Amino acid sequence: MDENPSEHFVGKVASKAIITRDDEVLIAFCHTRNPNKLWDIPGGRVHHGEKPEGAVVREVMEELGVSIQVNSIILMEQFLHSEGPTLLIAYEAELTNPEMPFGLPTDEIDEVRWITKDQLSEQEIFPVCLLALETYFKRKTAT
């Protein structure tokens, strides 16, 4: 069977962390880089030659100033970002030192919030990140 290169995914990869604490997950907000005023989950783009797991660890350190332990993949989903086609890989993760305070660089994240499953509907979250959080909570209640 001949392959058609135009049928292949061409775009960016975003590696995100669903950071958990008991029955809560962490959401983040950046006022300066967020024209839609939507909450997000920590993480960002995978650099050339970088593995997605390494990218999410790097991004969380850059955005929050903390280290995480990356666990299982919760969701892989293609979506259309303002910069073009993007593949989201969302991992369940936990803080390696839960007592360490967040160090929020002013150009990355302005605010973080721990929320429960019941509080999801009260937040305005990027749709693909909301899907990742909903998938996480569905899996958690199924086990």
N, C-alpha and C. Protein backbone atom coordinates (compact mmCIF):
# COMPACT_ATOMS: atom_id res chain seq x y z
N MET A 1 0.84 -1.18 0.00
CA MET A 1 0.00 0.00 0.00
C MET A 1 0.89 1.24 0.00
N ASP A 2 0.63 2.15 -0.91
CA ASP A 2 1.40 3.38 -0.99
C ASP A 2 0.93 4.36 0.08
N GLU A 3 1.91 5.00 0.72
CA GLU A 3 1.58 6.01 1.72
C GLU A 3 1.46 7.37 1.07
N ASN A 4 0.54 8.14 1.56
CA ASN A 4 0.35 9.50 1.10
C ASN A 4 0.87 10.42 2.21
N PRO A 5 2.01 11.10 2.00
CA PRO A 5 2.59 11.96 3.05
C PRO A 5 1.61 13.01 3.56
N SER A 6 0.67 13.45 2.77
CA SER A 6 -0.27 14.47 3.23
C SER A 6 -1.24 13.92 4.27
N GLU A 7 -1.28 12.62 4.44
CA GLU A 7 -2.16 12.01 5.45
C GLU A 7 -1.47 11.90 6.81
N HIS A 8 -0.18 12.19 6.89
CA HIS A 8 0.57 12.07 8.14
C HIS A 8 0.38 13.32 8.98
N PHE A 9 0.43 13.13 10.29
CA PHE A 9 0.34 14.26 11.21
C PHE A 9 1.59 15.12 11.10
N VAL A 10 1.41 16.39 10.91
CA VAL A 10 2.51 17.35 10.91
C VAL A 10 2.07 18.48 11.84
N GLY A 11 2.80 18.63 12.92
CA GLY A 11 2.43 19.67 13.88
C GLY A 11 3.34 19.65 15.08
N LYS A 12 2.89 20.28 16.13
CA LYS A 12 3.65 20.38 17.37
C LYS A 12 3.14 19.34 18.37
N VAL A 13 3.97 19.03 19.36
CA VAL A 13 3.58 18.11 20.42
C VAL A 13 3.64 18.88 21.74
N ALA A 14 2.55 18.84 22.48
CA ALA A 14 2.48 19.46 23.80
C ALA A 14 2.46 18.35 24.85
N SER A 15 3.36 18.44 25.80
CA SER A 15 3.47 17.46 26.87
C SER A 15 3.02 18.14 28.16
N LYS A 16 1.93 17.65 28.75
CA LYS A 16 1.31 18.31 29.91
C LYS A 16 1.25 17.37 31.10
N ALA A 17 1.21 17.95 32.29
CA ALA A 17 1.18 17.19 33.53
C ALA A 17 -0.13 17.42 34.28
N ILE A 18 -0.80 16.33 34.58
CA ILE A 18 -1.93 16.38 35.51
C ILE A 18 -1.33 16.05 36.87
N ILE A 19 -0.94 17.11 37.58
CA ILE A 19 -0.28 16.94 38.87
C ILE A 19 -1.35 16.72 39.93
N THR A 20 -1.20 15.61 40.65
CA THR A 20 -2.25 15.21 41.59
C THR A 20 -1.78 15.38 43.04
N ARG A 21 -2.75 15.61 43.90
CA ARG A 21 -2.54 15.68 45.35
C ARG A 21 -3.84 15.22 46.00
N ASP A 22 -3.80 14.03 46.58
CA ASP A 22 -5.02 13.43 47.16
C ASP A 22 -6.10 13.38 46.08
N ASP A 23 -7.22 14.08 46.29
CA ASP A 23 -8.32 14.07 45.32
C ASP A 23 -8.33 15.32 44.45
N GLU A 24 -7.21 16.02 44.39
CA GLU A 24 -7.15 17.28 43.65
C GLU A 24 -6.14 17.21 42.51
N VAL A 25 -6.32 18.11 41.55
CA VAL A 25 -5.37 18.31 40.45
C VAL A 25 -5.01 19.79 40.40
N LEU A 26 -3.86 20.06 39.83
CA LEU A 26 -3.36 21.43 39.76
C LEU A 26 -3.67 22.03 38.39
N ILE A 27 -4.26 23.23 38.40
CA ILE A 27 -4.45 23.98 37.17
C ILE A 27 -3.66 25.28 37.29
N ALA A 28 -3.33 25.86 36.14
CA ALA A 28 -2.46 27.04 36.12
C ALA A 28 -3.05 28.09 35.18
N PHE A 29 -2.67 29.35 35.45
CA PHE A 29 -3.18 30.46 34.66
C PHE A 29 -2.07 31.46 34.39
N CYS A 30 -1.98 31.92 33.16
CA CYS A 30 -1.02 32.95 32.76
C CYS A 30 -1.80 34.10 32.13
N HIS A 31 -1.82 35.23 32.81
CA HIS A 31 -2.57 36.39 32.31
C HIS A 31 -1.96 36.99 31.05
N THR A 32 -0.63 37.01 30.96
CA THR A 32 0.03 37.72 29.87
C THR A 32 0.04 36.95 28.56
N ARG A 33 0.05 35.62 28.59
CA ARG A 33 0.13 34.83 27.35
C ARG A 33 -1.16 34.07 27.07
N ASN A 34 -2.27 34.58 27.55
CA ASN A 34 -3.50 33.82 27.48
C ASN A 34 -4.67 34.72 27.05
N PRO A 35 -4.80 35.01 25.76
CA PRO A 35 -5.85 35.93 25.31
C PRO A 35 -7.26 35.41 25.57
N ASN A 36 -7.42 34.09 25.68
CA ASN A 36 -8.75 33.53 25.91
C ASN A 36 -9.14 33.47 27.37
N LYS A 37 -8.20 33.79 28.26
CA LYS A 37 -8.44 33.81 29.71
C LYS A 37 -8.92 32.46 30.22
N LEU A 38 -8.29 31.39 29.72
CA LEU A 38 -8.65 30.03 30.14
C LEU A 38 -7.55 29.43 31.00
N TRP A 39 -7.96 28.59 31.96
CA TRP A 39 -7.01 27.86 32.78
C TRP A 39 -6.40 26.74 31.95
N ASP A 40 -5.26 26.26 32.39
CA ASP A 40 -4.47 25.29 31.65
C ASP A 40 -3.95 24.26 32.65
N ILE A 41 -3.29 23.23 32.16
CA ILE A 41 -2.52 22.35 33.03
C ILE A 41 -1.05 22.56 32.70
N PRO A 42 -0.16 22.44 33.68
CA PRO A 42 1.25 22.74 33.45
C PRO A 42 1.86 21.88 32.35
N GLY A 43 2.81 22.47 31.64
CA GLY A 43 3.51 21.76 30.57
C GLY A 43 3.65 22.65 29.35
N GLY A 44 4.17 22.08 28.28
CA GLY A 44 4.36 22.86 27.08
C GLY A 44 4.88 22.02 25.94
N ARG A 45 5.47 22.68 24.97
CA ARG A 45 5.90 22.00 23.75
C ARG A 45 7.16 21.17 23.96
N VAL A 46 7.20 20.08 23.23
CA VAL A 46 8.37 19.20 23.20
C VAL A 46 9.37 19.79 22.22
N HIS A 47 10.61 19.91 22.66
CA HIS A 47 11.67 20.43 21.78
C HIS A 47 12.19 19.33 20.87
N HIS A 48 12.79 19.73 19.77
CA HIS A 48 13.38 18.78 18.82
C HIS A 48 14.39 17.89 19.54
N GLY A 49 14.26 16.57 19.37
CA GLY A 49 15.16 15.61 19.99
C GLY A 49 14.85 15.28 21.43
N GLU A 50 13.82 15.87 21.99
CA GLU A 50 13.46 15.67 23.39
C GLU A 50 12.34 14.64 23.48
N LYS A 51 12.37 13.81 24.51
CA LYS A 51 11.29 12.86 24.74
C LYS A 51 10.15 13.57 25.48
N PRO A 52 8.91 13.20 25.20
CA PRO A 52 7.78 13.87 25.85
C PRO A 52 7.84 13.85 27.38
N GLU A 53 8.28 12.72 27.96
CA GLU A 53 8.38 12.63 29.42
C GLU A 53 9.39 13.65 29.96
N GLY A 54 10.51 13.79 29.27
CA GLY A 54 11.51 14.77 29.67
C GLY A 54 11.02 16.19 29.48
N ALA A 55 10.25 16.41 28.43
CA ALA A 55 9.72 17.75 28.15
C ALA A 55 8.78 18.21 29.25
N VAL A 56 7.92 17.32 29.72
CA VAL A 56 6.97 17.74 30.75
C VAL A 56 7.68 18.02 32.07
N VAL A 57 8.72 17.26 32.38
CA VAL A 57 9.51 17.53 33.60
C VAL A 57 10.18 18.90 33.47
N ARG A 58 10.78 19.17 32.32
CA ARG A 58 11.44 20.46 32.07
C ARG A 58 10.45 21.61 32.15
N GLU A 59 9.33 21.45 31.47
CA GLU A 59 8.32 22.53 31.43
C GLU A 59 7.77 22.84 32.81
N VAL A 60 7.50 21.81 33.60
CA VAL A 60 6.97 22.05 34.96
C VAL A 60 8.02 22.77 35.81
N MET A 61 9.27 22.40 35.66
CA MET A 61 10.33 23.10 36.41
C MET A 61 10.39 24.56 35.97
N GLU A 62 10.31 24.82 34.65
CA GLU A 62 10.34 26.19 34.16
C GLU A 62 9.13 27.00 34.63
N GLU A 63 7.97 26.39 34.61
CA GLU A 63 6.73 27.10 34.91
C GLU A 63 6.44 27.22 36.40
N LEU A 64 6.77 26.18 37.17
CA LEU A 64 6.38 26.14 38.58
C LEU A 64 7.56 26.10 39.55
N GLY A 65 8.76 25.82 39.04
CA GLY A 65 9.92 25.74 39.91
C GLY A 65 9.95 24.52 40.80
N VAL A 66 9.27 23.44 40.39
CA VAL A 66 9.23 22.21 41.18
C VAL A 66 9.51 21.01 40.28
N SER A 67 9.93 19.92 40.92
CA SER A 67 10.17 18.66 40.20
C SER A 67 8.96 17.75 40.33
N ILE A 68 8.76 16.94 39.29
CA ILE A 68 7.66 15.99 39.31
C ILE A 68 8.16 14.60 38.96
N GLN A 69 7.37 13.62 39.40
CA GLN A 69 7.53 12.23 38.98
C GLN A 69 6.43 11.97 37.96
N VAL A 70 6.81 11.61 36.74
CA VAL A 70 5.84 11.36 35.68
C VAL A 70 5.38 9.91 35.78
N ASN A 71 4.08 9.73 35.76
CA ASN A 71 3.50 8.39 35.83
C ASN A 71 2.90 8.02 34.47
N SER A 72 1.72 7.52 34.44
CA SER A 72 1.13 7.00 33.20
C SER A 72 0.55 8.10 32.31
N ILE A 73 0.44 7.76 31.02
CA ILE A 73 -0.24 8.64 30.08
C ILE A 73 -1.74 8.56 30.35
N ILE A 74 -2.37 9.70 30.45
CA ILE A 74 -3.81 9.77 30.68
C ILE A 74 -4.55 9.97 29.36
N LEU A 75 -3.99 10.79 28.47
CA LEU A 75 -4.68 11.11 27.24
C LEU A 75 -3.68 11.53 26.16
N MET A 76 -3.95 11.08 24.95
CA MET A 76 -3.26 11.59 23.75
C MET A 76 -4.36 12.04 22.82
N GLU A 77 -4.32 13.32 22.42
CA GLU A 77 -5.42 13.88 21.65
C GLU A 77 -4.88 14.94 20.69
N GLN A 78 -5.30 14.86 19.43
CA GLN A 78 -4.96 15.91 18.47
C GLN A 78 -5.98 17.03 18.59
N PHE A 79 -5.48 18.26 18.46
CA PHE A 79 -6.38 19.41 18.46
C PHE A 79 -5.74 20.52 17.64
N LEU A 80 -6.54 21.51 17.31
CA LEU A 80 -6.05 22.64 16.51
C LEU A 80 -5.76 23.80 17.45
N HIS A 81 -4.50 24.11 17.62
CA HIS A 81 -4.03 25.22 18.43
C HIS A 81 -3.96 26.45 17.52
N SER A 82 -3.87 27.62 18.10
CA SER A 82 -3.76 28.84 17.28
C SER A 82 -2.52 28.82 16.40
N GLU A 83 -1.50 28.03 16.78
CA GLU A 83 -0.28 27.93 15.99
C GLU A 83 -0.29 26.74 15.05
N GLY A 84 -1.39 26.01 14.99
CA GLY A 84 -1.49 24.89 14.07
C GLY A 84 -1.81 23.58 14.77
N PRO A 85 -1.80 22.47 14.00
CA PRO A 85 -2.12 21.16 14.57
C PRO A 85 -1.18 20.80 15.71
N THR A 86 -1.74 20.27 16.78
CA THR A 86 -0.96 19.91 17.97
C THR A 86 -1.44 18.57 18.51
N LEU A 87 -0.50 17.79 18.98
CA LEU A 87 -0.80 16.54 19.67
C LEU A 87 -0.53 16.76 21.15
N LEU A 88 -1.55 16.61 21.97
CA LEU A 88 -1.42 16.72 23.41
C LEU A 88 -1.13 15.33 23.98
N ILE A 89 -0.10 15.25 24.82
CA ILE A 89 0.16 14.05 25.61
C ILE A 89 0.06 14.50 27.07
N ALA A 90 -0.95 14.01 27.77
CA ALA A 90 -1.17 14.40 29.17
C ALA A 90 -0.82 13.22 30.07
N TYR A 91 0.08 13.48 31.01
CA TYR A 91 0.55 12.47 31.95
C TYR A 91 0.01 12.73 33.34
N GLU A 92 -0.27 11.67 34.06
CA GLU A 92 -0.49 11.81 35.50
C GLU A 92 0.88 12.00 36.13
N ALA A 93 0.99 12.92 37.08
CA ALA A 93 2.28 13.20 37.72
C ALA A 93 2.04 13.60 39.16
N GLU A 94 3.12 13.51 39.93
CA GLU A 94 3.05 13.95 41.33
C GLU A 94 4.30 14.74 41.66
N LEU A 95 4.19 15.62 42.63
CA LEU A 95 5.32 16.42 43.06
C LEU A 95 6.32 15.51 43.77
N THR A 96 7.61 15.67 43.47
CA THR A 96 8.61 14.86 44.16
C THR A 96 8.82 15.35 45.59
N ASN A 97 8.56 16.63 45.84
CA ASN A 97 8.64 17.20 47.18
C ASN A 97 7.38 18.05 47.40
N PRO A 98 6.31 17.43 47.90
CA PRO A 98 5.04 18.16 48.05
C PRO A 98 5.11 19.37 48.98
N GLU A 99 6.12 19.43 49.84
CA GLU A 99 6.23 20.56 50.78
C GLU A 99 6.91 21.77 50.15
N MET A 100 7.55 21.58 49.00
CA MET A 100 8.27 22.69 48.37
C MET A 100 7.28 23.68 47.76
N PRO A 101 7.45 24.99 48.05
CA PRO A 101 6.53 25.98 47.47
C PRO A 101 6.80 26.16 45.97
N PHE A 102 5.77 26.57 45.27
CA PHE A 102 5.92 26.85 43.85
C PHE A 102 6.71 28.15 43.68
N GLY A 103 7.55 28.18 42.66
CA GLY A 103 8.26 29.40 42.28
C GLY A 103 7.77 29.79 40.92
N LEU A 104 6.85 30.73 40.86
CA LEU A 104 6.17 31.08 39.62
C LEU A 104 6.89 32.22 38.90
N PRO A 105 7.60 31.93 37.81
CA PRO A 105 8.24 33.01 37.04
C PRO A 105 7.17 33.92 36.45
N THR A 106 7.41 35.20 36.46
CA THR A 106 6.38 36.14 36.02
C THR A 106 6.01 35.99 34.55
N ASP A 107 6.91 35.42 33.74
CA ASP A 107 6.59 35.28 32.32
C ASP A 107 5.97 33.92 31.98
N GLU A 108 5.76 33.08 32.96
CA GLU A 108 5.22 31.74 32.70
C GLU A 108 3.82 31.56 33.29
N ILE A 109 3.73 31.53 34.59
CA ILE A 109 2.47 31.25 35.28
C ILE A 109 2.23 32.33 36.33
N ASP A 110 1.01 32.86 36.37
CA ASP A 110 0.66 33.88 37.36
C ASP A 110 -0.03 33.30 38.58
N GLU A 111 -0.75 32.21 38.38
CA GLU A 111 -1.57 31.68 39.46
C GLU A 111 -1.75 30.17 39.27
N VAL A 112 -1.77 29.44 40.37
CA VAL A 112 -2.10 28.02 40.34
C VAL A 112 -3.22 27.76 41.34
N ARG A 113 -3.93 26.69 41.10
CA ARG A 113 -5.07 26.36 41.97
C ARG A 113 -5.24 24.85 42.01
N TRP A 114 -5.44 24.30 43.19
CA TRP A 114 -5.78 22.89 43.35
C TRP A 114 -7.31 22.78 43.29
N ILE A 115 -7.82 21.89 42.46
CA ILE A 115 -9.27 21.72 42.35
C ILE A 115 -9.63 20.23 42.41
N THR A 116 -10.86 19.97 42.79
CA THR A 116 -11.39 18.61 42.83
C THR A 116 -12.22 18.36 41.57
N LYS A 117 -12.63 17.13 41.40
CA LYS A 117 -13.49 16.76 40.27
C LYS A 117 -14.76 17.61 40.26
N ASP A 118 -15.34 17.83 41.44
CA ASP A 118 -16.58 18.61 41.52
C ASP A 118 -16.39 20.08 41.15
N GLN A 119 -15.18 20.57 41.19
CA GLN A 119 -14.91 21.97 40.87
C GLN A 119 -14.55 22.19 39.40
N LEU A 120 -14.42 21.11 38.63
CA LEU A 120 -14.06 21.25 37.20
C LEU A 120 -15.03 22.16 36.46
N SER A 121 -16.31 21.98 36.69
CA SER A 121 -17.32 22.75 35.95
C SER A 121 -17.32 24.23 36.32
N GLU A 122 -16.69 24.58 37.44
CA GLU A 122 -16.64 25.97 37.88
C GLU A 122 -15.49 26.75 37.23
N GLN A 123 -14.58 26.03 36.54
CA GLN A 123 -13.40 26.64 35.96
C GLN A 123 -13.54 26.74 34.45
N GLU A 124 -12.98 27.78 33.87
CA GLU A 124 -12.91 27.89 32.41
C GLU A 124 -11.54 27.38 32.01
N ILE A 125 -11.50 26.16 31.44
CA ILE A 125 -10.26 25.46 31.13
C ILE A 125 -10.19 25.20 29.63
N PHE A 126 -8.97 25.28 29.06
CA PHE A 126 -8.80 24.94 27.65
C PHE A 126 -9.50 23.61 27.39
N PRO A 127 -10.31 23.51 26.33
CA PRO A 127 -11.10 22.29 26.10
C PRO A 127 -10.30 20.99 26.09
N VAL A 128 -9.13 20.97 25.44
CA VAL A 128 -8.37 19.72 25.39
C VAL A 128 -7.80 19.38 26.78
N CYS A 129 -7.46 20.39 27.57
CA CYS A 129 -6.98 20.15 28.93
C CYS A 129 -8.12 19.69 29.83
N LEU A 130 -9.30 20.25 29.61
CA LEU A 130 -10.48 19.80 30.36
C LEU A 130 -10.76 18.33 30.05
N LEU A 131 -10.65 17.95 28.79
CA LEU A 131 -10.84 16.55 28.41
C LEU A 131 -9.83 15.66 29.13
N ALA A 132 -8.58 16.10 29.22
CA ALA A 132 -7.55 15.33 29.93
C ALA A 132 -7.91 15.18 31.41
N LEU A 133 -8.35 16.26 32.03
CA LEU A 133 -8.72 16.21 33.45
C LEU A 133 -9.93 15.31 33.67
N GLU A 134 -10.92 15.42 32.81
CA GLU A 134 -12.11 14.56 32.92
C GLU A 134 -11.72 13.09 32.76
N THR A 135 -10.82 12.81 31.82
CA THR A 135 -10.36 11.44 31.61
C THR A 135 -9.63 10.92 32.85
N TYR A 136 -8.80 11.76 33.44
CA TYR A 136 -8.10 11.38 34.68
C TYR A 136 -9.10 11.02 35.77
N PHE A 137 -10.08 11.89 36.01
CA PHE A 137 -11.04 11.65 37.09
C PHE A 137 -11.91 10.42 36.80
N LYS A 138 -12.26 10.18 35.55
CA LYS A 138 -13.03 8.97 35.20
C LYS A 138 -12.23 7.71 35.51
N ARG A 139 -10.95 7.72 35.14
CA ARG A 139 -10.09 6.56 35.44
C ARG A 139 -9.93 6.35 36.93
N LYS A 140 -9.82 7.45 37.65
CA LYS A 140 -9.61 7.37 39.10
C LYS A 140 -10.84 6.77 39.79
N THR A 141 -12.02 7.17 39.36
CA THR A 141 -13.24 6.63 39.99
C THR A 141 -13.52 5.21 39.56
N ALA A 142 -12.97 4.79 38.40
CA ALA A 142 -13.18 3.43 37.92
C ALA A 142 -12.30 2.42 38.66
N THR A 143 -11.23 2.89 39.32
CA THR A 143 -10.34 1.96 40.02
C THR A 143 -10.65 1.84 41.48
